[in-house]
C-alpha atoms as a PDB file:
ATOM      1  CA  UNK A   1       0.000   0.000   0.000  1.00  0.00           C
ATOM      2  CA  UNK A   2       1.350   3.445  -0.918  1.00  0.00           C
ATOM      3  CA  UNK A   3       0.720   6.558   1.136  1.00  0.00           C
ATOM      4  CA  UNK A   4       1.904  10.085   0.484  1.00  0.00           C
ATOM      5  CA  UNK A   5       4.932  11.438   2.333  1.00  0.00           C
ATOM      6  CA  UNK A   6       5.100  15.076   3.544  1.00  0.00           C
ATOM      7  CA  UNK A   7       7.544  15.857   0.752  1.00  0.00           C
ATOM      8  CA  UNK A   8       5.432  14.516  -2.070  1.00  0.00           C
ATOM      9  CA  UNK A   9       7.065  11.091  -2.286  1.00  0.00           C
ATOM     10  CA  UNK A  10       5.352   7.839  -1.399  1.00  0.00           C
ATOM     11  CA  UNK A  11       6.030   5.491   1.487  1.00  0.00           C
ATOM     12  CA  UNK A  12       5.544   1.868   0.488  1.00  0.00           C
ATOM     13  CA  UNK A  13       4.623  -0.240   3.516  1.00  0.00           C
ATOM     14  CA  UNK A  14       5.711  -3.852   3.633  1.00  0.00           C
ATOM     15  CA  UNK A  15       3.994  -6.773   5.288  1.00  0.00           C
ATOM     16  CA  UNK A  16       5.978  -6.307   8.483  1.00  0.00           C
ATOM     17  CA  UNK A  17       4.585  -2.831   8.926  1.00  0.00           C
ATOM     18  CA  UNK A  18       7.852  -1.127   8.125  1.00  0.00           C
ATOM     19  CA  UNK A  19       8.457   1.182   5.189  1.00  0.00           C
ATOM     20  CA  UNK A  20      10.961   2.451   2.779  1.00  0.00           C
ATOM     21  CA  UNK A  21      11.009   5.722   0.940  1.00  0.00           C
ATOM     22  CA  UNK A  22      10.872   5.004  -2.769  1.00  0.00           C
ATOM     23  CA  UNK A  23      12.521   7.852  -4.613  1.00  0.00           C
ATOM     24  CA  UNK A  24      11.183   9.055  -7.913  1.00  0.00           C
ATOM     25  CA  UNK A  25      13.410   8.256 -10.847  1.00  0.00           C
ATOM     26  CA  UNK A  26      16.518   8.458  -8.697  1.00  0.00           C
ATOM     27  CA  UNK A  27      19.633   8.741 -10.822  1.00  0.00           C
ATOM     28  CA  UNK A  28      17.688   8.615 -14.135  1.00  0.00           C
ATOM     29  CA  UNK A  29      16.137  11.373 -16.211  1.00  0.00           C
ATOM     30  CA  UNK A  30      12.807  11.026 -17.972  1.00  0.00           C
ATOM     31  CA  UNK A  31      12.770  10.800 -21.759  1.00  0.00           C
ATOM     32  CA  UNK A  32      11.376  13.713 -23.745  1.00  0.00           C
ATOM     33  CA  UNK A  33       8.253  11.660 -24.536  1.00  0.00           C
ATOM     34  CA  UNK A  34       7.700  10.844 -20.849  1.00  0.00           C
ATOM     35  CA  UNK A  35       8.209  14.470 -19.828  1.00  0.00           C
ATOM     36  CA  UNK A  36       5.722  15.613 -22.473  1.00  0.00           C
ATOM     37  CA  UNK A  37       3.238  12.989 -21.309  1.00  0.00           C
ATOM     38  CA  UNK A  38       3.540  14.257 -17.726  1.00  0.00           C
ATOM     39  CA  UNK A  39       2.971  17.854 -18.807  1.00  0.00           C
ATOM     40  CA  UNK A  40      -0.254  16.906 -20.609  1.00  0.00           C
ATOM     41  CA  UNK A  41      -1.464  14.943 -17.584  1.00  0.00           C
ATOM     42  CA  UNK A  42      -0.744  18.001 -15.394  1.00  0.00           C
ATOM     43  CA  UNK A  43      -2.773  20.133 -17.825  1.00  0.00           C
ATOM     44  CA  UNK A  44      -5.767  17.853 -17.223  1.00  0.00           C
ATOM     45  CA  UNK A  45      -5.934  16.358 -20.738  1.00  0.00           C
ATOM     46  CA  UNK A  46      -7.621  13.005 -21.282  1.00  0.00           C
ATOM     47  CA  UNK A  47      -5.849  10.102 -22.973  1.00  0.00           C
ATOM     48  CA  UNK A  48      -7.607  10.718 -26.300  1.00  0.00           C
ATOM     49  CA  UNK A  49      -6.419  14.342 -26.501  1.00  0.00           C
ATOM     50  CA  UNK A  50      -2.897  13.388 -25.381  1.00  0.00           C
ATOM     51  CA  UNK A  51      -2.745  10.743 -28.108  1.00  0.00           C
ATOM     52  CA  UNK A  52      -3.799  13.304 -30.701  1.00  0.00           C
ATOM     53  CA  UNK A  53      -1.149  15.797 -29.612  1.00  0.00           C
ATOM     54  CA  UNK A  54       1.631  13.227 -29.470  1.00  0.00           C
ATOM     55  CA  UNK A  55       0.564  11.465 -32.672  1.00  0.00           C
ATOM     56  CA  UNK A  56       0.293   8.042 -31.062  1.00  0.00           C
ATOM     57  CA  UNK A  57      -2.502   5.578 -30.320  1.00  0.00           C
ATOM     58  CA  UNK A  58      -4.733   6.129 -27.301  1.00  0.00           C
ATOM     59  CA  UNK A  59      -3.886   2.619 -26.061  1.00  0.00           C
ATOM     60  CA  UNK A  60      -0.183   3.551 -26.216  1.00  0.00           C
ATOM     61  CA  UNK A  61      -0.868   6.599 -24.040  1.00  0.00           C
ATOM     62  CA  UNK A  62      -2.686   4.400 -21.533  1.00  0.00           C
ATOM     63  CA  UNK A  63       0.221   1.943 -21.418  1.00  0.00           C
ATOM     64  CA  UNK A  64       2.833   4.694 -21.023  1.00  0.00           C
ATOM     65  CA  UNK A  65       0.887   6.303 -18.208  1.00  0.00           C
ATOM     66  CA  UNK A  66       0.689   2.925 -16.474  1.00  0.00           C
ATOM     67  CA  UNK A  67       4.445   2.536 -16.911  1.00  0.00           C
ATOM     68  CA  UNK A  68       5.042   5.959 -15.394  1.00  0.00           C
ATOM     69  CA  UNK A  69       2.791   5.188 -12.432  1.00  0.00           C
ATOM     70  CA  UNK A  70       4.794   2.017 -11.779  1.00  0.00           C
ATOM     71  CA  UNK A  71       8.188   3.566 -12.385  1.00  0.00           C
ATOM     72  CA  UNK A  72       7.548   6.583 -10.192  1.00  0.00           C
ATOM     73  CA  UNK A  73       5.781   4.553  -7.486  1.00  0.00           C
ATOM     74  CA  UNK A  74       2.593   6.630  -7.473  1.00  0.00           C
ATOM     75  CA  UNK A  75      -1.044   5.527  -7.752  1.00  0.00           C
ATOM     76  CA  UNK A  76      -2.921   8.102  -9.784  1.00  0.00           C
ATOM     77  CA  UNK A  77      -2.782  10.874 -12.364  1.00  0.00           C
ATOM     78  CA  UNK A  78      -2.917  13.577  -9.673  1.00  0.00           C
ATOM     79  CA  UNK A  79       0.430  12.371  -8.320  1.00  0.00           C
ATOM     80  CA  UNK A  80       1.848  12.406 -11.850  1.00  0.00           C
ATOM     81  CA  UNK A  81       0.658  16.002 -12.212  1.00  0.00           C
ATOM     82  CA  UNK A  82       2.593  16.929  -9.058  1.00  0.00           C
ATOM     83  CA  UNK A  83       5.775  15.435 -10.501  1.00  0.00           C
ATOM     84  CA  UNK A  84       5.165  17.412 -13.680  1.00  0.00           C
ATOM     85  CA  UNK A  85       5.122  20.577 -11.569  1.00  0.00           C
ATOM     86  CA  UNK A  86       8.570  19.633 -10.256  1.00  0.00           C
ATOM     87  CA  UNK A  87       9.775  19.149 -13.804  1.00  0.00           C
ATOM     88  CA  UNK A  88       8.632  22.632 -14.837  1.00  0.00           C
ATOM     89  CA  UNK A  89      10.425  24.209 -11.902  1.00  0.00           C
ATOM     90  CA  UNK A  90      13.612  22.175 -11.710  1.00  0.00           C
ATOM     91  CA  UNK A  91      13.976  20.561 -15.139  1.00  0.00           C
ATOM     92  CA  UNK A  92      14.020  17.046 -13.705  1.00  0.00           C
ATOM     93  CA  UNK A  93      12.306  14.871 -11.163  1.00  0.00           C
ATOM     94  CA  UNK A  94      13.668  15.531  -7.703  1.00  0.00           C
ATOM     95  CA  UNK A  95      15.508  13.208  -5.397  1.00  0.00           C
ATOM     96  CA  UNK A  96      13.689  13.144  -2.037  1.00  0.00           C
ATOM     97  CA  UNK A  97      16.905  14.059  -0.212  1.00  0.00           C
ATOM     98  CA  UNK A  98      17.070  17.241  -2.280  1.00  0.00           C
ATOM     99  CA  UNK A  99      13.439  18.031  -1.550  1.00  0.00           C
ATOM    100  CA  UNK A 100      14.158  17.699   2.148  1.00  0.00           C
ATOM    101  CA  UNK A 101      16.733  20.465   1.902  1.00  0.00           C
ATOM    102  CA  UNK A 102      14.622  22.630  -0.357  1.00  0.00           C
ATOM    103  CA  UNK A 103      11.210  22.382   1.283  1.00  0.00           C
ATOM    104  CA  UNK A 104      12.141  21.581   4.863  1.00  0.00           C
ATOM    105  CA  UNK A 105      15.509  23.147   5.592  1.00  0.00           C
ATOM    106  CA  UNK A 106      15.580  26.094   3.192  1.00  0.00           C
ATOM    107  CA  UNK A 107      15.996  29.353   5.180  1.00  0.00           C
ATOM    108  CA  UNK A 108      13.418  31.161   3.059  1.00  0.00           C
ATOM    109  CA  UNK A 109       9.713  30.865   2.291  1.00  0.00           C
ATOM    110  CA  UNK A 110       8.417  29.004  -0.778  1.00  0.00           C
ATOM    111  CA  UNK A 111       4.851  28.618  -2.017  1.00  0.00           C
ATOM    112  CA  UNK A 112       3.415  27.264  -5.282  1.00  0.00           C
ATOM    113  CA  UNK A 113       0.022  28.500  -6.472  1.00  0.00           C
ATOM    114  CA  UNK A 114      -2.044  27.267  -9.410  1.00  0.00           C
ATOM    115  CA  UNK A 115      -4.645  28.976 -11.556  1.00  0.00           C
ATOM    116  CA  UNK A 116      -5.976  32.533 -11.770  1.00  0.00           C
ATOM    117  CA  UNK A 117      -7.394  32.282  -8.240  1.00  0.00           C
ATOM    118  CA  UNK A 118      -3.882  31.465  -6.980  1.00  0.00           C
ATOM    119  CA  UNK A 119      -4.863  28.267  -5.181  1.00  0.00           C
ATOM    120  CA  UNK A 120      -2.005  27.243  -2.898  1.00  0.00           C
ATOM    121  CA  UNK A 121      -0.696  23.763  -3.782  1.00  0.00           C
ATOM    122  CA  UNK A 122       2.386  23.463  -1.606  1.00  0.00           C
ATOM    123  CA  UNK A 123       4.406  25.514   0.895  1.00  0.00           C
ATOM    124  CA  UNK A 124       7.591  24.781   2.759  1.00  0.00           C
ATOM    125  CA  UNK A 125       8.000  24.681   6.529  1.00  0.00           C
ATOM    126  CA  UNK A 126       9.562  28.161   6.720  1.00  0.00           C
ATOM    127  CA  UNK A 127       6.558  29.643   4.927  1.00  0.00           C
ATOM    128  CA  UNK A 128       4.062  27.878   7.188  1.00  0.00           C
ATOM    129  CA  UNK A 129       5.957  28.727  10.373  1.00  0.00           C
ATOM    130  CA  UNK A 130       6.249  32.387   9.495  1.00  0.00           C
ATOM    131  CA  UNK A 131       2.456  32.537   9.155  1.00  0.00           C
ATOM    132  CA  UNK A 132       1.801  30.972  12.529  1.00  0.00           C
ATOM    133  CA  UNK A 133       1.131  27.503  11.132  1.00  0.00           C
ATOM    134  CA  UNK A 134      -2.194  28.470   9.589  1.00  0.00           C
ATOM    135  CA  UNK A 135      -3.754  26.072   7.072  1.00  0.00           C
ATOM    136  CA  UNK A 136      -2.887  27.201   3.555  1.00  0.00           C
ATOM    137  CA  UNK A 137      -2.797  24.297   1.104  1.00  0.00           C
ATOM    138  CA  UNK A 138      -5.944  24.015  -0.969  1.00  0.00           C
ATOM    139  CA  UNK A 139      -7.057  27.574  -0.312  1.00  0.00           C
ATOM    140  CA  UNK A 140      -7.024  30.449  -2.743  1.00  0.00           C
ATOM    141  CA  UNK A 141      -4.877  33.457  -1.920  1.00  0.00           C
ATOM    142  CA  UNK A 142      -7.935  35.453  -0.837  1.00  0.00           C
ATOM    143  CA  UNK A 143      -9.194  32.613   1.352  1.00  0.00           C
ATOM    144  CA  UNK A 144      -5.805  32.083   2.987  1.00  0.00           C
ATOM    145  CA  UNK A 145      -5.154  35.788   3.590  1.00  0.00           C
ATOM    146  CA  UNK A 146      -8.504  37.573   4.022  1.00  0.00           C
ATOM    147  CA  UNK A 147      -6.804  40.383   5.927  1.00  0.00           C
ATOM    148  CA  UNK A 148      -4.767  41.515   2.910  1.00  0.00           C
ATOM    149  CA  UNK A 149      -5.676  44.617   0.936  1.00  0.00           C
ATOM    150  CA  UNK A 150      -6.941  44.589  -2.651  1.00  0.00           C
ATOM    151  CA  UNK A 151      -3.634  46.165  -3.667  1.00  0.00           C
ATOM    152  CA  UNK A 152      -1.784  43.090  -2.348  1.00  0.00           C
ATOM    153  CA  UNK A 153      -4.002  40.661  -4.266  1.00  0.00           C
ATOM    154  CA  UNK A 154      -3.567  42.803  -7.382  1.00  0.00           C
ATOM    155  CA  UNK A 155       0.199  42.208  -7.341  1.00  0.00           C
ATOM    156  CA  UNK A 156      -0.344  38.461  -7.763  1.00  0.00           C
ATOM    157  CA  UNK A 157      -3.078  39.011 -10.339  1.00  0.00           C
ATOM    158  CA  UNK A 158      -0.784  41.213 -12.420  1.00  0.00           C
ATOM    159  CA  UNK A 159       2.035  38.666 -12.495  1.00  0.00           C
ATOM    160  CA  UNK A 160      -0.405  35.941 -13.513  1.00  0.00           C
ATOM    161  CA  UNK A 161      -1.983  38.101 -16.213  1.00  0.00           C
ATOM    162  CA  UNK A 162       1.239  39.547 -17.673  1.00  0.00           C
ATOM    163  CA  UNK A 163       3.755  36.810 -16.930  1.00  0.00           C
ATOM    164  CA  UNK A 164       6.183  39.492 -15.738  1.00  0.00           C
ATOM    165  CA  UNK A 165       8.155  38.703 -12.609  1.00  0.00           C
ATOM    166  CA  UNK A 166       7.668  40.963  -9.590  1.00  0.00           C
ATOM    167  CA  UNK A 167      10.655  41.660  -7.324  1.00  0.00           C
ATOM    168  CA  UNK A 168      10.188  43.380  -3.974  1.00  0.00           C
ATOM    169  CA  UNK A 169      13.201  44.678  -2.071  1.00  0.00           C
ATOM    170  CA  UNK A 170      13.191  45.305   1.674  1.00  0.00           C
ATOM    171  CA  UNK A 171       9.435  45.684   1.869  1.00  0.00           C
ATOM    172  CA  UNK A 172       7.911  46.152   5.299  1.00  0.00           C
ATOM    173  CA  UNK A 173       5.722  43.290   6.525  1.00  0.00           C
ATOM    174  CA  UNK A 174       4.435  41.687   9.689  1.00  0.00           C
ATOM    175  CA  UNK A 175       4.901  37.968  10.326  1.00  0.00           C
ATOM    176  CA  UNK A 176       6.089  35.450  12.908  1.00  0.00           C
ATOM    177  CA  UNK A 177       9.875  35.735  12.696  1.00  0.00           C
ATOM    178  CA  UNK A 178      10.803  33.931  15.923  1.00  0.00           C
ATOM    179  CA  UNK A 179       7.875  31.727  16.957  1.00  0.00           C
ATOM    180  CA  UNK A 180       6.630  34.297  19.445  1.00  0.00           C
ATOM    181  CA  UNK A 181       3.912  35.790  17.276  1.00  0.00           C
ATOM    182  CA  UNK A 182       3.723  38.403  14.506  1.00  0.00           C
ATOM    183  CA  UNK A 183       6.213  41.259  14.528  1.00  0.00           C
ATOM    184  CA  UNK A 184       7.342  43.939  12.113  1.00  0.00           C
ATOM    185  CA  UNK A 185      10.185  43.123   9.764  1.00  0.00           C
ATOM    186  CA  UNK A 186      11.587  43.465   6.248  1.00  0.00           C
ATOM    187  CA  UNK A 187      11.797  40.919   3.432  1.00  0.00           C
ATOM    188  CA  UNK A 188      13.049  40.470  -0.109  1.00  0.00           C
ATOM    189  CA  UNK A 189      10.561  38.601  -2.251  1.00  0.00           C
ATOM    190  CA  UNK A 190       9.751  37.465  -5.769  1.00  0.00           C
ATOM    191  CA  UNK A 191       6.550  36.381  -7.490  1.00  0.00           C
ATOM    192  CA  UNK A 192       7.351  34.434 -10.671  1.00  0.00           C
ATOM    193  CA  UNK A 193       4.966  33.094 -13.288  1.00  0.00           C
ATOM    194  CA  UNK A 194       4.952  29.348 -14.019  1.00  0.00           C
ATOM    195  CA  UNK A 195       4.011  28.232 -17.523  1.00  0.00           C
ATOM    196  CA  UNK A 196       2.677  25.144 -19.225  1.00  0.00           C
ATOM    197  CA  UNK A 197       4.148  23.475 -22.304  1.00  0.00           C
ATOM    198  CA  UNK A 198       2.351  25.967 -24.550  1.00  0.00           C
ATOM    199  CA  UNK A 199       3.946  28.874 -22.712  1.00  0.00           C
ATOM    200  CA  UNK A 200       0.723  29.940 -21.018  1.00  0.00           C
ATOM    201  CA  UNK A 201       0.856  31.073 -17.390  1.00  0.00           C
ATOM    202  CA  UNK A 202      -0.837  28.508 -15.151  1.00  0.00           C
ATOM    203  CA  UNK A 203       0.635  29.187 -11.748  1.00  0.00           C
ATOM    204  CA  UNK A 204       2.878  31.281  -9.537  1.00  0.00           C
ATOM    205  CA  UNK A 205       6.054  30.608  -7.593  1.00  0.00           C
ATOM    206  CA  UNK A 206       6.432  32.795  -4.500  1.00  0.00           C
ATOM    207  CA  UNK A 207       9.682  33.066  -2.573  1.00  0.00           C
ATOM    208  CA  UNK A 208      10.806  35.446   0.129  1.00  0.00           C
ATOM    209  CA  UNK A 209      13.638  35.782   2.621  1.00  0.00           C
ATOM    210  CA  UNK A 210      13.887  37.683   5.897  1.00  0.00           C
ATOM    211  CA  UNK A 211      16.309  40.628   5.636  1.00  0.00           C
ATOM    212  CA  UNK A 212      15.179  42.383   8.826  1.00  0.00           C
ATOM    213  CA  UNK A 213      18.494  42.071  10.644  1.00  0.00           C
ATOM    214  CA  UNK A 214      20.484  43.347   7.648  1.00  0.00           C
ATOM    215  CA  UNK A 215      18.143  46.319   7.140  1.00  0.00           C
ATOM    216  CA  UNK A 216      18.216  47.279  10.803  1.00  0.00           C
ATOM    217  CA  UNK A 217      22.002  46.913  10.974  1.00  0.00           C
ATOM    218  CA  UNK A 218      22.458  49.121   7.901  1.00  0.00           C
ATOM    219  CA  UNK A 219      20.087  51.739   9.207  1.00  0.00           C
ATOM    220  CA  UNK A 220      21.810  51.737  12.581  1.00  0.00           C
ATOM    221  CA  UNK A 221      25.154  52.149  10.816  1.00  0.00           C
ATOM    222  CA  UNK A 222      23.717  55.074   8.860  1.00  0.00           C
ATOM    223  CA  UNK A 223      22.455  56.641  12.089  1.00  0.00           C
ATOM    224  CA  UNK A 224      25.857  56.196  13.732  1.00  0.00           C
ATOM    225  CA  UNK A 225      27.554  57.757  10.705  1.00  0.00           C
ATOM    226  CA  UNK A 226      25.327  60.817  11.059  1.00  0.00           C
ATOM    227  CA  UNK A 227      26.092  60.967  14.780  1.00  0.00           C
ATOM    228  CA  UNK A 228      29.820  60.657  14.132  1.00  0.00           C
ATOM    229  CA  UNK A 229      29.739  63.443  11.561  1.00  0.00           C
ATOM    230  CA  UNK A 230      27.908  65.644  14.036  1.00  0.00           C
ATOM    231  CA  UNK A 231      30.452  64.919  16.750  1.00  0.00           C
ATOM    232  CA  UNK A 232      33.367  65.549  14.376  1.00  0.00           C
ATOM    233  CA  UNK A 233      31.905  68.911  13.415  1.00  0.00           C
ATOM    234  CA  UNK A 234      32.003  69.929  17.084  1.00  0.00           C
ATOM    235  CA  UNK A 235      35.769  69.318  17.233  1.00  0.00           C
ATOM    236  CA  UNK A 236      37.538  72.724  16.800  1.00  0.00           C
ATOM    237  CA  UNK A 237      40.588  71.184  15.105  1.00  0.00           C
ATOM    238  CA  UNK A 238      40.572  70.144  11.452  1.00  0.00           C
ATOM    239  CA  UNK A 239      39.959  66.385  11.130  1.00  0.00           C
ATOM    240  CA  UNK A 240      40.322  64.381   7.915  1.00  0.00           C
ATOM    241  CA  UNK A 241      39.674  60.657   7.426  1.00  0.00           C
ATOM    242  CA  UNK A 242      41.235  58.852   4.465  1.00  0.00           C
ATOM    243  CA  UNK A 243      41.184  55.395   2.936  1.00  0.00           C
ATOM    244  CA  UNK A 244      44.321  53.314   2.387  1.00  0.00           C
ATOM    245  CA  UNK A 245      45.182  55.297  -0.750  1.00  0.00           C
ATOM    246  CA  UNK A 246      45.107  58.564   1.176  1.00  0.00           C
ATOM    247  CA  UNK A 247      41.853  59.674  -0.478  1.00  0.00           C
ATOM    248  CA  UNK A 248      39.712  61.834   1.786  1.00  0.00           C
ATOM    249  CA  UNK A 249      36.446  60.133   2.736  1.00  0.00           C
ATOM    250  CA  UNK A 250      35.373  62.494   5.505  1.00  0.00           C
ATOM    251  CA  UNK A 251      36.211  66.025   6.647  1.00  0.00           C
ATOM    252  CA  UNK A 252      34.771  67.920   9.589  1.00  0.00           C
ATOM    253  CA  UNK A 253      33.564  71.521   9.583  1.00  0.00           C
ATOM    254  CA  UNK A 254      36.940  72.884  10.730  1.00  0.00           C
ATOM    255  CA  UNK A 255      38.741  71.066   7.877  1.00  0.00           C
ATOM    256  CA  UNK A 256      36.264  72.345   5.319  1.00  0.00           C
ATOM    257  CA  UNK A 257      36.792  75.859   6.635  1.00  0.00           C
ATOM    258  CA  UNK A 258      40.588  75.515   6.529  1.00  0.00           C
ATOM    259  CA  UNK A 259      40.904  73.947   3.083  1.00  0.00           C
ATOM    260  CA  UNK A 260      37.747  75.210   1.363  1.00  0.00           C
ATOM    261  CA  UNK A 261      37.156  73.658  -2.056  1.00  0.00           C
ATOM    262  CA  UNK A 262      40.323  71.563  -1.764  1.00  0.00           C
ATOM    263  CA  UNK A 263      38.387  69.171   0.471  1.00  0.00           C
ATOM    264  CA  UNK A 264      36.000  67.267  -1.760  1.00  0.00           C
ATOM    265  CA  UNK A 265      35.112  63.663  -2.567  1.00  0.00           C
ATOM    266  CA  UNK A 266      37.896  61.836  -4.354  1.00  0.00           C
ATOM    267  CA  UNK A 267      40.621  64.318  -3.413  1.00  0.00           C
ATOM    268  CA  UNK A 268      43.749  62.958  -1.753  1.00  0.00           C
ATOM    269  CA  UNK A 269      45.318  64.477   1.310  1.00  0.00           C
ATOM    270  CA  UNK A 270      48.537  64.992  -0.663  1.00  0.00           C
ATOM    271  CA  UNK A 271      46.624  67.071  -3.219  1.00  0.00           C
ATOM    272  CA  UNK A 272      44.971  69.057  -0.444  1.00  0.00           C
ATOM    273  CA  UNK A 273      48.288  70.159   1.052  1.00  0.00           C
ATOM    274  CA  UNK A 274      50.209  70.271  -2.231  1.00  0.00           C
ATOM    275  CA  UNK A 275      50.673  74.053  -1.861  1.00  0.00           C
ATOM    276  CA  UNK A 276      52.203  73.684   1.579  1.00  0.00           C
ATOM    277  CA  UNK A 277      55.871  73.277   2.408  1.00  0.00           C
ATOM    278  CA  UNK A 278      56.167  71.487   5.753  1.00  0.00           C
ATOM    279  CA  UNK A 279      59.217  72.217   7.911  1.00  0.00           C
ATOM    280  CA  UNK A 280      60.119  70.729  11.250  1.00  0.00           C
ATOM    281  CA  UNK A 281      59.297  73.514  13.707  1.00  0.00           C
ATOM    282  CA  UNK A 282      62.383  72.870  15.857  1.00  0.00           C
ATOM    283  CA  UNK A 283      65.033  72.350  13.151  1.00  0.00           C
ATOM    284  CA  UNK A 284      63.568  74.040  10.084  1.00  0.00           C
ATOM    285  CA  UNK A 285      64.211  70.917   8.004  1.00  0.00           C
ATOM    286  CA  UNK A 286      61.731  70.249   5.202  1.00  0.00           C
ATOM    287  CA  UNK A 287      59.902  66.961   5.689  1.00  0.00           C
ATOM    288  CA  UNK A 288      60.019  64.442   2.873  1.00  0.00           C
ATOM    289  CA  UNK A 289      56.581  63.084   1.857  1.00  0.00           C
ATOM    290  CA  UNK A 290      57.255  59.723   3.561  1.00  0.00           C
ATOM    291  CA  UNK A 291      58.095  61.513   6.842  1.00  0.00           C
ATOM    292  CA  UNK A 292      54.751  63.272   7.149  1.00  0.00           C
ATOM    293  CA  UNK A 293      52.460  61.978   9.906  1.00  0.00           C
ATOM    294  CA  UNK A 294      49.693  60.752   7.584  1.00  0.00           C
ATOM    295  CA  UNK A 295      52.170  58.887   5.368  1.00  0.00           C
ATOM    296  CA  UNK A 296      53.579  57.172   8.434  1.00  0.00           C
ATOM    297  CA  UNK A 297      50.080  56.246   9.661  1.00  0.00           C
ATOM    298  CA  UNK A 298      49.167  54.816   6.261  1.00  0.00           C
ATOM    299  CA  UNK A 299      52.406  52.843   6.351  1.00  0.00           C
ATOM    300  CA  UNK A 300      51.132  51.104   9.493  1.00  0.00           C
ATOM    301  CA  UNK A 301      52.216  53.338  12.380  1.00  0.00           C
ATOM    302  CA  UNK A 302      49.470  53.374  15.021  1.00  0.00           C
ATOM    303  CA  UNK A 303      50.198  57.022  15.835  1.00  0.00           C
ATOM    304  CA  UNK A 304      52.467  59.716  14.411  1.00  0.00           C
ATOM    305  CA  UNK A 305      52.736  63.384  15.299  1.00  0.00           C
ATOM    306  CA  UNK A 306      54.900  66.371  14.427  1.00  0.00           C
ATOM    307  CA  UNK A 307      55.025  70.089  15.264  1.00  0.00           C
ATOM    308  CA  UNK A 308      55.479  71.817  11.926  1.00  0.00           C
ATOM    309  CA  UNK A 309      55.749  75.213  10.338  1.00  0.00           C
ATOM    310  CA  UNK A 310      53.536  75.468   7.276  1.00  0.00           C
ATOM    311  CA  UNK A 311      54.739  77.717   4.462  1.00  0.00           C
ATOM    312  CA  UNK A 312      51.812  78.064   2.038  1.00  0.00           C
ATOM    313  CA  UNK A 313      52.391  79.184  -1.532  1.00  0.00           C
ATOM    314  CA  UNK A 314      50.183  82.148  -0.744  1.00  0.00           C
ATOM    315  CA  UNK A 315      49.769  83.752   2.675  1.00  0.00           C
ATOM    316  CA  UNK A 316      51.791  83.854   5.866  1.00  0.00           C
ATOM    317  CA  UNK A 317      53.555  80.883   7.514  1.00  0.00           C
ATOM    318  CA  UNK A 318      51.859  79.371  10.556  1.00  0.00           C
ATOM    319  CA  UNK A 319      52.647  76.695  13.098  1.00  0.00           C
ATOM    320  CA  UNK A 320      50.545  73.550  13.394  1.00  0.00           C
ATOM    321  CA  UNK A 321      50.655  70.184  15.090  1.00  0.00           C
ATOM    322  CA  UNK A 322      49.718  67.384  12.680  1.00  0.00           C
ATOM    323  CA  UNK A 323      48.790  64.080  14.319  1.00  0.00           C
ATOM    324  CA  UNK A 324      47.746  60.945  12.474  1.00  0.00           C
ATOM    325  CA  UNK A 325      46.673  57.475  13.468  1.00  0.00           C
ATOM    326  CA  UNK A 326      46.093  54.227  11.628  1.00  0.00           C
ATOM    327  CA  UNK A 327      42.460  53.060  11.482  1.00  0.00           C
ATOM    328  CA  UNK A 328      41.745  49.340  11.649  1.00  0.00           C
ATOM    329  CA  UNK A 329      38.641  47.172  11.301  1.00  0.00           C
ATOM    330  CA  UNK A 330      37.401  44.655  13.886  1.00  0.00           C
ATOM    331  CA  UNK A 331      39.761  42.010  12.519  1.00  0.00           C
ATOM    332  CA  UNK A 332      42.764  44.317  12.915  1.00  0.00           C
ATOM    333  CA  UNK A 333      43.222  44.940   9.208  1.00  0.00           C
ATOM    334  CA  UNK A 334      44.200  48.483   8.241  1.00  0.00           C
ATOM    335  CA  UNK A 335      41.399  50.376   6.486  1.00  0.00           C
ATOM    336  CA  UNK A 336      42.709  53.957   6.420  1.00  0.00           C
ATOM    337  CA  UNK A 337      43.906  56.771   8.656  1.00  0.00           C
ATOM    338  CA  UNK A 338      42.761  59.892  10.437  1.00  0.00           C
ATOM    339  CA  UNK A 339      44.734  63.140  10.610  1.00  0.00           C
ATOM    340  CA  UNK A 340      44.192  66.072  12.963  1.00  0.00           C
ATOM    341  CA  UNK A 341      45.593  69.562  12.409  1.00  0.00           C
ATOM    342  CA  UNK A 342      45.569  71.810  15.466  1.00  0.00           C
ATOM    343  CA  UNK A 343      47.371  75.007  16.462  1.00  0.00           C
ATOM    344  CA  UNK A 344      50.551  74.249  18.386  1.00  0.00           C
ATOM    345  CA  UNK A 345      49.620  76.519  21.264  1.00  0.00           C
ATOM    346  CA  UNK A 346      46.260  74.832  21.654  1.00  0.00           C
ATOM    347  CA  UNK A 347      47.830  71.403  21.514  1.00  0.00           C
ATOM    348  CA  UNK A 348      50.425  72.333  24.092  1.00  0.00           C
ATOM    349  CA  UNK A 349      47.789  73.744  26.411  1.00  0.00           C
END
């Protein structure tokens, strides 16, 4: 006796009451004729019409369907139609061990819907769990989700009517993310049309994945970046942050005031101070480019500082303390440097 397994396979019980999972067509692909026969069965065609389309005798169709039922260890045409659905999605019949990963262990929601009413045929465990375990299979979209708006139903209707895939990125939704009841979150989803052998849309594939944590982390990082910029602008000394190439990625209000238009996206620190000659304040010696604090920080020095006299190409010389430090990520890898320019008197105080 054969009974249906949760994954669409069939458990064949033996006389001792035990069972073994008989896999569908494991290790062997269906022939083109067999695949075509399955697609016509899934479309609900009778043997006479199938025979006409394939150009073979009706009795031959009957025999081939019987062979498929035996080979695939299923009892009726409805089970054959289910296998045909797998073929349309995956291009082959599916090993049960693969289905276990896809429909049971996949960390994203999957649902298959058939017909213009979007009747739900199958969902995976993630999909069911996220909806509080409500009964879905066999219901139309409107029956399963009566609380949705007409605009939500219309999205599915449009994909079915046009055949055009709908992608939704980081859309806000409310569902059971942790088993403790519905909560607000964000998801990436896709609604994709499924087609029959004639290319006509006859169903929908729905998939979505939870991106709540990533969205919240990015937004928190954006908030922190705004906070950091605000704090930097309160610092009276000029502060510049560069990447590993010495390109300026951030400048506070004091730096923008000091350098004006020289501080802009994509400009390097070397270009910004190109009109300055830097001399050691104590000895008067001109510093070579590699001796400057930022160059030393970018070379890996955790901290470098020097009291310098700046001789600009235009204007009067002035004294400044330039301090730089290497910036590292959480793993300790160098990601850039920060440089601070402050008046020597202020620094000494």
